Amino acid sequence: MSGNVDTHVHYLDDPYRFDDERPLHYFADFTKTTNARLAPHPVQVRDGRGEVERLSLDREGFTIVRWPTKITDFIETRAIEPEYIAECEDLIRKLTGAVATWSAGPIHCRFDGVSDPKERYDGKPAHYVHADYSDASAAQTIEHICGEPSRYARFAIYNIWRVTTPPPQSRPLGVCDASSIGGAEEYESGVTLSYPDGTDVDFLTTLYRPRAEHRWYYFSDMTPDEVLVFKSHDTDVSRAGRVPHCAFADSNVTSGAVRMSIEARILAAFEERAA
């Protein structure tokens, strides 16, 4: 079902006080120990279907494109990862004009209403407002993956998000217009990701306090042949950088509509410097 949605998203509680330590959160549903205090805030999420031609990766920080995949079974993510990442890299090169691309991490599947909260790894959608990187972790990612960052004039990290179930979806992904971010509401946040093999990975992300100027969007009735592409970082500060995002409840859709999705992150380099 299409149309704007009045809903709630979870921001850091406002006003937020650090108490001399960074927020620490674990995985999507915050069932594990955390000192990041979240609170629901009402927002209107606009349906971007009628604004696709206007929206820009370099201004708002996101867009939707038709990009069918050859993958038919997304459950075994490790088995499909090489082929799917190659498809995503091809998309980013064609969409942005990047001269080089790399995978910026493993692909992630989300299972709304399917995963068990008692399991170590929780594949549920993240219902809190966040961006996947901070400035520091993005710089570390570029250095680690590229190896020779001085070779290129600019880098950007893109998320490629695809539903793998037919519409409608009860938990769409909302993205916040990067041009509506003030900066003062951003907080670098430590996150510990726990994986099925028992390993924990620490990383720096960004959490957000609410801001009245935030403009939220989603794309109604997404199909598996479409992808939502949005920015996680850009070294060119004149362009859109981090796009806050989170899953939200669409009150226009019946609760029985389960959402499954897959997400990849691609590092892109632009403008190779002369030797």
C-alpha atoms as a PDB file:
ATOM      1  CA  MET A   1       0.000   0.000   0.000  1.00  0.00           C
ATOM      2  CA  SER A   2       1.286   3.448  -0.906  1.00  0.00           C
ATOM      3  CA  GLY A   3       1.101   6.757   0.918  1.00  0.00           C
ATOM      4  CA  ASN A   4       2.744   8.638   3.751  1.00  0.00           C
ATOM      5  CA  VAL A   5       2.911   6.852   7.111  1.00  0.00           C
ATOM      6  CA  ASP A   6       2.557   8.326  10.598  1.00  0.00           C
ATOM      7  CA  THR A   7       4.649   6.139  12.879  1.00  0.00           C
ATOM      8  CA  HIS A   8       7.349   6.148  15.579  1.00  0.00           C
ATOM      9  CA  VAL A   9      11.101   5.658  15.307  1.00  0.00           C
ATOM     10  CA  HIS A  10      13.519   5.141  18.189  1.00  0.00           C
ATOM     11  CA  TYR A  11      16.075   7.883  18.744  1.00  0.00           C
ATOM     12  CA  LEU A  12      18.495   8.382  21.610  1.00  0.00           C
ATOM     13  CA  ASP A  13      16.519   9.778  24.515  1.00  0.00           C
ATOM     14  CA  ASP A  14      16.539  13.568  24.396  1.00  0.00           C
ATOM     15  CA  PRO A  15      18.255  15.243  26.134  1.00  0.00           C
ATOM     16  CA  TYR A  16      20.957  12.575  26.067  1.00  0.00           C
ATOM     17  CA  ARG A  17      23.844  12.621  28.560  1.00  0.00           C
ATOM     18  CA  PHE A  18      26.945  10.538  28.095  1.00  0.00           C
ATOM     19  CA  ASP A  19      27.992  10.214  31.739  1.00  0.00           C
ATOM     20  CA  ASP A  20      31.598  10.247  30.470  1.00  0.00           C
ATOM     21  CA  GLU A  21      31.191   7.169  28.271  1.00  0.00           C
ATOM     22  CA  ARG A  22      30.037   6.491  24.740  1.00  0.00           C
ATOM     23  CA  PRO A  23      26.732   4.787  24.089  1.00  0.00           C
ATOM     24  CA  LEU A  24      27.242   1.041  23.802  1.00  0.00           C
ATOM     25  CA  HIS A  25      24.680  -1.145  22.119  1.00  0.00           C
ATOM     26  CA  TYR A  26      24.687  -4.704  20.908  1.00  0.00           C
ATOM     27  CA  PHE A  27      22.371  -5.836  18.151  1.00  0.00           C
ATOM     28  CA  ALA A  28      19.172  -4.757  16.479  1.00  0.00           C
ATOM     29  CA  ASP A  29      16.653  -5.285  19.259  1.00  0.00           C
ATOM     30  CA  PHE A  30      18.824  -4.150  22.211  1.00  0.00           C
ATOM     31  CA  THR A  31      18.082  -7.313  24.214  1.00  0.00           C
ATOM     32  CA  LYS A  32      21.686  -7.356  25.435  1.00  0.00           C
ATOM     33  CA  THR A  33      23.326  -4.907  27.832  1.00  0.00           C
ATOM     34  CA  THR A  34      23.349  -1.318  26.633  1.00  0.00           C
ATOM     35  CA  ASN A  35      23.767   2.161  28.043  1.00  0.00           C
ATOM     36  CA  ALA A  36      22.203   3.797  24.999  1.00  0.00           C
ATOM     37  CA  ARG A  37      18.815   4.967  26.201  1.00  0.00           C
ATOM     38  CA  LEU A  38      16.262   4.962  23.399  1.00  0.00           C
ATOM     39  CA  ALA A  39      12.820   6.527  23.212  1.00  0.00           C
ATOM     40  CA  PRO A  40      10.107   6.405  20.518  1.00  0.00           C
ATOM     41  CA  HIS A  41       9.385   9.656  18.694  1.00  0.00           C
ATOM     42  CA  PRO A  42       6.536  10.340  16.283  1.00  0.00           C
ATOM     43  CA  VAL A  43       7.512  11.023  12.671  1.00  0.00           C
ATOM     44  CA  GLN A  44       5.817  11.121   9.310  1.00  0.00           C
ATOM     45  CA  VAL A  45       7.571   8.970   6.715  1.00  0.00           C
ATOM     46  CA  ARG A  46       6.919  10.232   3.198  1.00  0.00           C
ATOM     47  CA  ASP A  47       6.423   7.823   0.320  1.00  0.00           C
ATOM     48  CA  GLY A  48       9.225   8.625  -2.123  1.00  0.00           C
ATOM     49  CA  ARG A  49       7.588   6.880  -5.080  1.00  0.00           C
ATOM     50  CA  GLY A  50       6.397  10.166  -6.552  1.00  0.00           C
ATOM     51  CA  GLU A  51       9.746  11.911  -6.003  1.00  0.00           C
ATOM     52  CA  VAL A  52      12.211   9.432  -7.507  1.00  0.00           C
ATOM     53  CA  GLU A  53      13.282  11.790 -10.306  1.00  0.00           C
ATOM     54  CA  ARG A  54      14.050  14.534  -7.781  1.00  0.00           C
ATOM     55  CA  LEU A  55      15.952  12.489  -5.209  1.00  0.00           C
ATOM     56  CA  SER A  56      19.742  12.437  -5.504  1.00  0.00           C
ATOM     57  CA  LEU A  57      22.492  10.324  -3.965  1.00  0.00           C
ATOM     58  CA  ASP A  58      24.605  13.466  -3.636  1.00  0.00           C
ATOM     59  CA  ARG A  59      21.906  15.666  -2.045  1.00  0.00           C
ATOM     60  CA  GLU A  60      19.397  13.584  -0.058  1.00  0.00           C
ATOM     61  CA  GLY A  61      21.803  10.626  -0.026  1.00  0.00           C
ATOM     62  CA  PHE A  62      19.485   7.917  -1.351  1.00  0.00           C
ATOM     63  CA  THR A  63      17.590   6.679  -4.386  1.00  0.00           C
ATOM     64  CA  ILE A  64      15.711   3.610  -5.607  1.00  0.00           C
ATOM     65  CA  VAL A  65      16.541   1.785  -8.834  1.00  0.00           C
ATOM     66  CA  ARG A  66      15.342  -1.292 -10.652  1.00  0.00           C
ATOM     67  CA  TRP A  67      18.185  -3.830 -10.482  1.00  0.00           C
ATOM     68  CA  PRO A  68      17.061  -7.469 -10.803  1.00  0.00           C
ATOM     69  CA  THR A  69      19.332 -10.138  -9.360  1.00  0.00           C
ATOM     70  CA  LYS A  70      20.174 -13.604 -10.625  1.00  0.00           C
ATOM     71  CA  ILE A  71      20.071 -14.912  -7.039  1.00  0.00           C
ATOM     72  CA  THR A  72      16.912 -16.864  -6.195  1.00  0.00           C
ATOM     73  CA  ASP A  73      17.713 -18.251  -2.715  1.00  0.00           C
ATOM     74  CA  PHE A  74      19.044 -15.745  -0.182  1.00  0.00           C
ATOM     75  CA  ILE A  75      19.078 -17.973   2.911  1.00  0.00           C
ATOM     76  CA  GLU A  76      22.652 -19.300   2.533  1.00  0.00           C
ATOM     77  CA  THR A  77      24.308 -15.903   2.478  1.00  0.00           C
ATOM     78  CA  ARG A  78      27.910 -17.122   2.486  1.00  0.00           C
ATOM     79  CA  ALA A  79      27.274 -19.278  -0.583  1.00  0.00           C
ATOM     80  CA  ILE A  80      25.748 -16.471  -2.627  1.00  0.00           C
ATOM     81  CA  GLU A  81      27.995 -13.681  -1.358  1.00  0.00           C
ATOM     82  CA  PRO A  82      30.611 -13.576  -4.178  1.00  0.00           C
ATOM     83  CA  GLU A  83      27.995 -13.445  -6.939  1.00  0.00           C
ATOM     84  CA  TYR A  84      25.735 -10.990  -5.143  1.00  0.00           C
ATOM     85  CA  ILE A  85      28.573  -8.642  -4.186  1.00  0.00           C
ATOM     86  CA  ALA A  86      29.706  -8.636  -7.832  1.00  0.00           C
ATOM     87  CA  GLU A  87      26.189  -7.583  -8.866  1.00  0.00           C
ATOM     88  CA  CYS A  88      26.197  -4.789  -6.287  1.00  0.00           C
ATOM     89  CA  GLU A  89      29.621  -3.529  -7.334  1.00  0.00           C
ATOM     90  CA  ASP A  90      28.440  -3.437 -10.946  1.00  0.00           C
ATOM     91  CA  LEU A  91      25.398  -1.416  -9.893  1.00  0.00           C
ATOM     92  CA  ILE A  92      27.451   1.162  -7.993  1.00  0.00           C
ATOM     93  CA  ARG A  93      29.898   1.629 -10.864  1.00  0.00           C
ATOM     94  CA  LYS A  94      27.038   2.183 -13.317  1.00  0.00           C
ATOM     95  CA  LEU A  95      25.025   4.385 -10.951  1.00  0.00           C
ATOM     96  CA  THR A  96      27.829   6.627  -9.686  1.00  0.00           C
ATOM     97  CA  GLY A  97      30.656   6.470 -12.209  1.00  0.00           C
ATOM     98  CA  ALA A  98      33.054   4.993  -9.638  1.00  0.00           C
ATOM     99  CA  VAL A  99      36.386   3.890 -11.101  1.00  0.00           C
ATOM    100  CA  ALA A 100      36.949   1.148  -8.494  1.00  0.00           C
ATOM    101  CA  THR A 101      34.735  -0.756  -6.043  1.00  0.00           C
ATOM    102  CA  TRP A 102      35.190  -3.233  -3.201  1.00  0.00           C
ATOM    103  CA  SER A 103      32.965  -5.091  -0.764  1.00  0.00           C
ATOM    104  CA  ALA A 104      32.854  -3.172   2.522  1.00  0.00           C
ATOM    105  CA  GLY A 105      31.781  -6.188   4.574  1.00  0.00           C
ATOM    106  CA  PRO A 106      29.650  -9.336   4.569  1.00  0.00           C
ATOM    107  CA  ILE A 107      26.086  -9.245   3.306  1.00  0.00           C
ATOM    108  CA  HIS A 108      23.355  -9.304   5.949  1.00  0.00           C
ATOM    109  CA  CYS A 109      19.916 -10.900   5.836  1.00  0.00           C
ATOM    110  CA  ARG A 110      17.041  -9.670   7.998  1.00  0.00           C
ATOM    111  CA  PHE A 111      14.047 -11.793   8.937  1.00  0.00           C
ATOM    112  CA  ASP A 112      11.165  -9.842  10.424  1.00  0.00           C
ATOM    113  CA  GLY A 113       9.170 -12.033  12.799  1.00  0.00           C
ATOM    114  CA  VAL A 114      11.313 -15.111  12.110  1.00  0.00           C
ATOM    115  CA  SER A 115      14.514 -14.839  14.135  1.00  0.00           C
ATOM    116  CA  ASP A 116      14.650 -16.015  17.729  1.00  0.00           C
ATOM    117  CA  PRO A 117      15.607 -13.262  20.208  1.00  0.00           C
ATOM    118  CA  LYS A 118      17.269 -15.894  22.405  1.00  0.00           C
ATOM    119  CA  GLU A 119      19.779 -16.712  19.664  1.00  0.00           C
ATOM    120  CA  ARG A 120      23.250 -15.181  19.815  1.00  0.00           C
ATOM    121  CA  TYR A 121      22.853 -13.677  16.343  1.00  0.00           C
ATOM    122  CA  ASP A 122      19.664 -11.672  15.863  1.00  0.00           C
ATOM    123  CA  GLY A 123      18.680 -11.142  12.242  1.00  0.00           C
ATOM    124  CA  LYS A 124      15.742  -8.860  13.002  1.00  0.00           C
ATOM    125  CA  PRO A 125      15.502  -5.429  11.373  1.00  0.00           C
ATOM    126  CA  ALA A 126      17.049  -2.589  13.398  1.00  0.00           C
ATOM    127  CA  HIS A 127      14.287  -0.371  14.778  1.00  0.00           C
ATOM    128  CA  TYR A 128      16.542   2.411  16.087  1.00  0.00           C
ATOM    129  CA  VAL A 129      17.849   5.400  14.122  1.00  0.00           C
ATOM    130  CA  HIS A 130      21.480   4.845  13.185  1.00  0.00           C
ATOM    131  CA  ALA A 131      24.135   5.105  10.512  1.00  0.00           C
ATOM    132  CA  ASP A 132      26.492   2.190   9.958  1.00  0.00           C
ATOM    133  CA  TYR A 133      29.733   4.192  10.264  1.00  0.00           C
ATOM    134  CA  SER A 134      31.242   7.111  12.109  1.00  0.00           C
ATOM    135  CA  ASP A 135      33.875   9.331  10.484  1.00  0.00           C
ATOM    136  CA  ALA A 136      36.577   7.329  12.254  1.00  0.00           C
ATOM    137  CA  SER A 137      35.320   3.855  11.320  1.00  0.00           C
ATOM    138  CA  ALA A 138      34.709   4.928   7.710  1.00  0.00           C
ATOM    139  CA  ALA A 139      38.295   6.175   7.450  1.00  0.00           C
ATOM    140  CA  GLN A 140      39.559   2.906   8.942  1.00  0.00           C
ATOM    141  CA  THR A 141      37.437   0.917   6.479  1.00  0.00           C
ATOM    142  CA  ILE A 142      38.815   2.856   3.506  1.00  0.00           C
ATOM    143  CA  GLU A 143      42.401   2.411   4.697  1.00  0.00           C
ATOM    144  CA  HIS A 144      41.929  -1.296   5.399  1.00  0.00           C
ATOM    145  CA  ILE A 145      40.161  -2.197   2.158  1.00  0.00           C
ATOM    146  CA  CYS A 146      41.850   0.068  -0.359  1.00  0.00           C
ATOM    147  CA  GLY A 147      45.375  -0.004   1.003  1.00  0.00           C
ATOM    148  CA  GLU A 148      46.370   3.016  -1.110  1.00  0.00           C
ATOM    149  CA  PRO A 149      43.769   5.696  -0.384  1.00  0.00           C
ATOM    150  CA  SER A 150      46.058   8.446  -1.669  1.00  0.00           C
ATOM    151  CA  ARG A 151      45.630   6.937  -5.134  1.00  0.00           C
ATOM    152  CA  TYR A 152      42.067   8.307  -5.374  1.00  0.00           C
ATOM    153  CA  ALA A 153      40.594  11.778  -4.912  1.00  0.00           C
ATOM    154  CA  ARG A 154      37.338  10.662  -3.312  1.00  0.00           C
ATOM    155  CA  PHE A 155      35.700   7.679  -1.595  1.00  0.00           C
ATOM    156  CA  ALA A 156      32.098   6.866  -0.729  1.00  0.00           C
ATOM    157  CA  ILE A 157      30.428   3.914   1.000  1.00  0.00           C
ATOM    158  CA  TYR A 158      27.007   2.808  -0.235  1.00  0.00           C
ATOM    159  CA  ASN A 159      24.394   0.477   1.243  1.00  0.00           C
ATOM    160  CA  ILE A 160      22.369  -1.611  -1.211  1.00  0.00           C
ATOM    161  CA  TRP A 161      19.137  -2.799   0.415  1.00  0.00           C
ATOM    162  CA  ARG A 162      16.713  -5.232  -1.223  1.00  0.00           C
ATOM    163  CA  VAL A 163      13.552  -6.947  -0.020  1.00  0.00           C
ATOM    164  CA  THR A 164      13.446 -10.647  -0.890  1.00  0.00           C
ATOM    165  CA  THR A 165       9.729 -11.075  -0.180  1.00  0.00           C
ATOM    166  CA  PRO A 166       6.853  -9.670  -2.248  1.00  0.00           C
ATOM    167  CA  PRO A 167       4.910  -6.593  -1.142  1.00  0.00           C
ATOM    168  CA  PRO A 168       3.416  -5.445   1.050  1.00  0.00           C
ATOM    169  CA  GLN A 169       5.993  -5.301   3.854  1.00  0.00           C
ATOM    170  CA  SER A 170       4.928  -4.511   7.412  1.00  0.00           C
ATOM    171  CA  ARG A 171       8.399  -3.215   8.380  1.00  0.00           C
ATOM    172  CA  PRO A 172       9.790  -1.061   5.556  1.00  0.00           C
ATOM    173  CA  LEU A 173      13.159   0.647   5.762  1.00  0.00           C
ATOM    174  CA  GLY A 174      12.995   4.372   6.417  1.00  0.00           C
ATOM    175  CA  VAL A 175      15.819   6.690   5.358  1.00  0.00           C
ATOM    176  CA  CYS A 176      16.391  10.230   6.574  1.00  0.00           C
ATOM    177  CA  ASP A 177      17.224  12.978   4.076  1.00  0.00           C
ATOM    178  CA  ALA A 178      20.919  13.725   4.659  1.00  0.00           C
ATOM    179  CA  SER A 179      20.347  17.419   3.922  1.00  0.00           C
ATOM    180  CA  SER A 180      18.059  17.611   6.982  1.00  0.00           C
ATOM    181  CA  ILE A 181      20.821  16.491   9.380  1.00  0.00           C
ATOM    182  CA  GLY A 182      22.194  19.291  11.540  1.00  0.00           C
ATOM    183  CA  GLY A 183      25.217  17.456  12.952  1.00  0.00           C
ATOM    184  CA  ALA A 184      24.748  18.294  16.622  1.00  0.00           C
ATOM    185  CA  GLU A 185      22.292  15.391  16.988  1.00  0.00           C
ATOM    186  CA  GLU A 186      24.901  12.802  15.911  1.00  0.00           C
ATOM    187  CA  TYR A 187      26.740  10.668  18.485  1.00  0.00           C
ATOM    188  CA  GLU A 188      29.597   8.320  17.683  1.00  0.00           C
ATOM    189  CA  SER A 189      28.602   5.013  19.221  1.00  0.00           C
ATOM    190  CA  GLY A 190      30.406   1.778  19.979  1.00  0.00           C
ATOM    191  CA  VAL A 191      28.626  -1.363  18.827  1.00  0.00           C
ATOM    192  CA  THR A 192      29.477  -4.996  19.505  1.00  0.00           C
ATOM    193  CA  LEU A 193      28.194  -7.398  16.847  1.00  0.00           C
ATOM    194  CA  SER A 194      27.871 -11.037  17.901  1.00  0.00           C
ATOM    195  CA  TYR A 195      28.080 -13.601  15.093  1.00  0.00           C
ATOM    196  CA  PRO A 196      26.921 -17.235  14.853  1.00  0.00           C
ATOM    197  CA  ASP A 197      30.468 -18.595  15.154  1.00  0.00           C
ATOM    198  CA  GLY A 198      30.776 -17.024  18.604  1.00  0.00           C
ATOM    199  CA  THR A 199      33.000 -14.110  17.639  1.00  0.00           C
ATOM    200  CA  ASP A 200      32.332 -10.540  18.704  1.00  0.00           C
ATOM    201  CA  VAL A 201      33.299  -7.597  16.513  1.00  0.00           C
ATOM    202  CA  ASP A 202      33.539  -4.066  17.912  1.00  0.00           C
ATOM    203  CA  PHE A 203      32.809  -1.169  15.597  1.00  0.00           C
ATOM    204  CA  LEU A 204      32.005   2.551  15.674  1.00  0.00           C
ATOM    205  CA  THR A 205      28.660   3.673  14.293  1.00  0.00           C
ATOM    206  CA  THR A 206      26.504   6.788  14.697  1.00  0.00           C
ATOM    207  CA  LEU A 207      23.329   7.173  16.763  1.00  0.00           C
ATOM    208  CA  TYR A 208      20.955  10.134  16.675  1.00  0.00           C
ATOM    209  CA  ARG A 209      18.889  12.351  18.906  1.00  0.00           C
ATOM    210  CA  PRO A 210      15.594  13.582  17.440  1.00  0.00           C
ATOM    211  CA  ARG A 211      15.551  16.770  15.380  1.00  0.00           C
ATOM    212  CA  ALA A 212      12.356  18.439  14.211  1.00  0.00           C
ATOM    213  CA  GLU A 213      13.891  19.159  10.802  1.00  0.00           C
ATOM    214  CA  HIS A 214      14.555  15.496   9.983  1.00  0.00           C
ATOM    215  CA  ARG A 215      12.752  14.433   6.793  1.00  0.00           C
ATOM    216  CA  TRP A 216      11.982  10.724   6.579  1.00  0.00           C
ATOM    217  CA  TYR A 217      11.242   8.709   3.424  1.00  0.00           C
ATOM    218  CA  TYR A 218      10.464   5.164   2.364  1.00  0.00           C
ATOM    219  CA  PHE A 219       9.427   3.483  -0.877  1.00  0.00           C
ATOM    220  CA  SER A 220       6.114   1.672  -0.714  1.00  0.00           C
ATOM    221  CA  ASP A 221       5.590  -1.855  -2.004  1.00  0.00           C
ATOM    222  CA  MET A 222       9.200  -2.553  -2.917  1.00  0.00           C
ATOM    223  CA  THR A 223       9.760  -5.686  -4.988  1.00  0.00           C
ATOM    224  CA  PRO A 224      12.779  -8.025  -5.104  1.00  0.00           C
ATOM    225  CA  ASP A 225      13.715  -6.481  -8.474  1.00  0.00           C
ATOM    226  CA  GLU A 226      14.375  -3.098  -6.846  1.00  0.00           C
ATOM    227  CA  VAL A 227      17.132  -1.838  -4.567  1.00  0.00           C
ATOM    228  CA  LEU A 228      17.253   1.114  -2.209  1.00  0.00           C
ATOM    229  CA  VAL A 229      20.732   2.640  -2.435  1.00  0.00           C
ATOM    230  CA  PHE A 230      21.869   5.052   0.269  1.00  0.00           C
ATOM    231  CA  LYS A 231      25.086   6.639   1.499  1.00  0.00           C
ATOM    232  CA  SER A 232      26.992   5.635   4.617  1.00  0.00           C
ATOM    233  CA  HIS A 233      29.972   7.950   4.079  1.00  0.00           C
ATOM    234  CA  ASP A 234      31.498  10.357   1.576  1.00  0.00           C
ATOM    235  CA  THR A 235      34.919  11.963   1.845  1.00  0.00           C
ATOM    236  CA  ASP A 236      33.620  14.937  -0.167  1.00  0.00           C
ATOM    237  CA  VAL A 237      31.833  16.944   2.515  1.00  0.00           C
ATOM    238  CA  SER A 238      29.988  19.010  -0.117  1.00  0.00           C
ATOM    239  CA  ARG A 239      27.949  15.886  -0.943  1.00  0.00           C
ATOM    240  CA  ALA A 240      25.525  13.879   1.185  1.00  0.00           C
ATOM    241  CA  GLY A 241      27.335  11.699   3.704  1.00  0.00           C
ATOM    242  CA  ARG A 242      25.726   9.510   6.369  1.00  0.00           C
ATOM    243  CA  VAL A 243      22.047   8.664   5.884  1.00  0.00           C
ATOM    244  CA  PRO A 244      20.313   7.722   9.164  1.00  0.00           C
ATOM    245  CA  HIS A 245      17.963   4.811   8.696  1.00  0.00           C
ATOM    246  CA  CYS A 246      15.833   2.283  10.571  1.00  0.00           C
ATOM    247  CA  ALA A 247      12.949  -0.111  10.141  1.00  0.00           C
ATOM    248  CA  PHE A 248       9.526   1.173  11.134  1.00  0.00           C
ATOM    249  CA  ALA A 249       6.020  -0.184  11.537  1.00  0.00           C
ATOM    250  CA  ASP A 250       3.721   0.614   8.616  1.00  0.00           C
ATOM    251  CA  SER A 251       0.235   0.900  10.083  1.00  0.00           C
ATOM    252  CA  ASN A 252      -1.249   0.640   6.578  1.00  0.00           C
ATOM    253  CA  VAL A 253      -0.082  -2.984   6.267  1.00  0.00           C
ATOM    254  CA  THR A 254      -1.488  -5.983   8.119  1.00  0.00           C
ATOM    255  CA  SER A 255       0.770  -7.442  10.783  1.00  0.00           C
ATOM    256  CA  GLY A 256       0.912 -10.785   8.987  1.00  0.00           C
ATOM    257  CA  ALA A 257       3.020  -9.422   6.121  1.00  0.00           C
ATOM    258  CA  VAL A 258       6.546 -10.668   6.910  1.00  0.00           C
ATOM    259  CA  ARG A 259       9.559  -8.783   5.564  1.00  0.00           C
ATOM    260  CA  MET A 260      12.800 -10.459   4.552  1.00  0.00           C
ATOM    261  CA  SER A 261      15.649  -8.379   3.173  1.00  0.00           C
ATOM    262  CA  ILE A 262      19.316  -8.492   2.223  1.00  0.00           C
ATOM    263  CA  GLU A 263      21.865  -5.698   2.477  1.00  0.00           C
ATOM    264  CA  ALA A 264      25.345  -5.201   1.053  1.00  0.00           C
ATOM    265  CA  ARG A 265      27.856  -2.387   1.538  1.00  0.00           C
ATOM    266  CA  ILE A 266      30.137  -1.253  -1.251  1.00  0.00           C
ATOM    267  CA  LEU A 267      33.176   1.024  -1.038  1.00  0.00           C
ATOM    268  CA  ALA A 268      33.627   3.126  -4.177  1.00  0.00           C
ATOM    269  CA  ALA A 269      36.596   5.205  -5.332  1.00  0.00           C
ATOM    270  CA  PHE A 270      36.475   8.132  -7.734  1.00  0.00           C
ATOM    271  CA  GLU A 271      38.953  10.165  -9.762  1.00  0.00           C
ATOM    272  CA  GLU A 272      42.214   8.259  -9.766  1.00  0.00           C
ATOM    273  CA  ARG A 273      45.090  10.659  -9.158  1.00  0.00           C
ATOM    274  CA  ALA A 274      47.953  10.957 -11.622  1.00  0.00           C
ATOM    275  CA  ALA A 275      51.028   8.992 -10.589  1.00  0.00           C
END
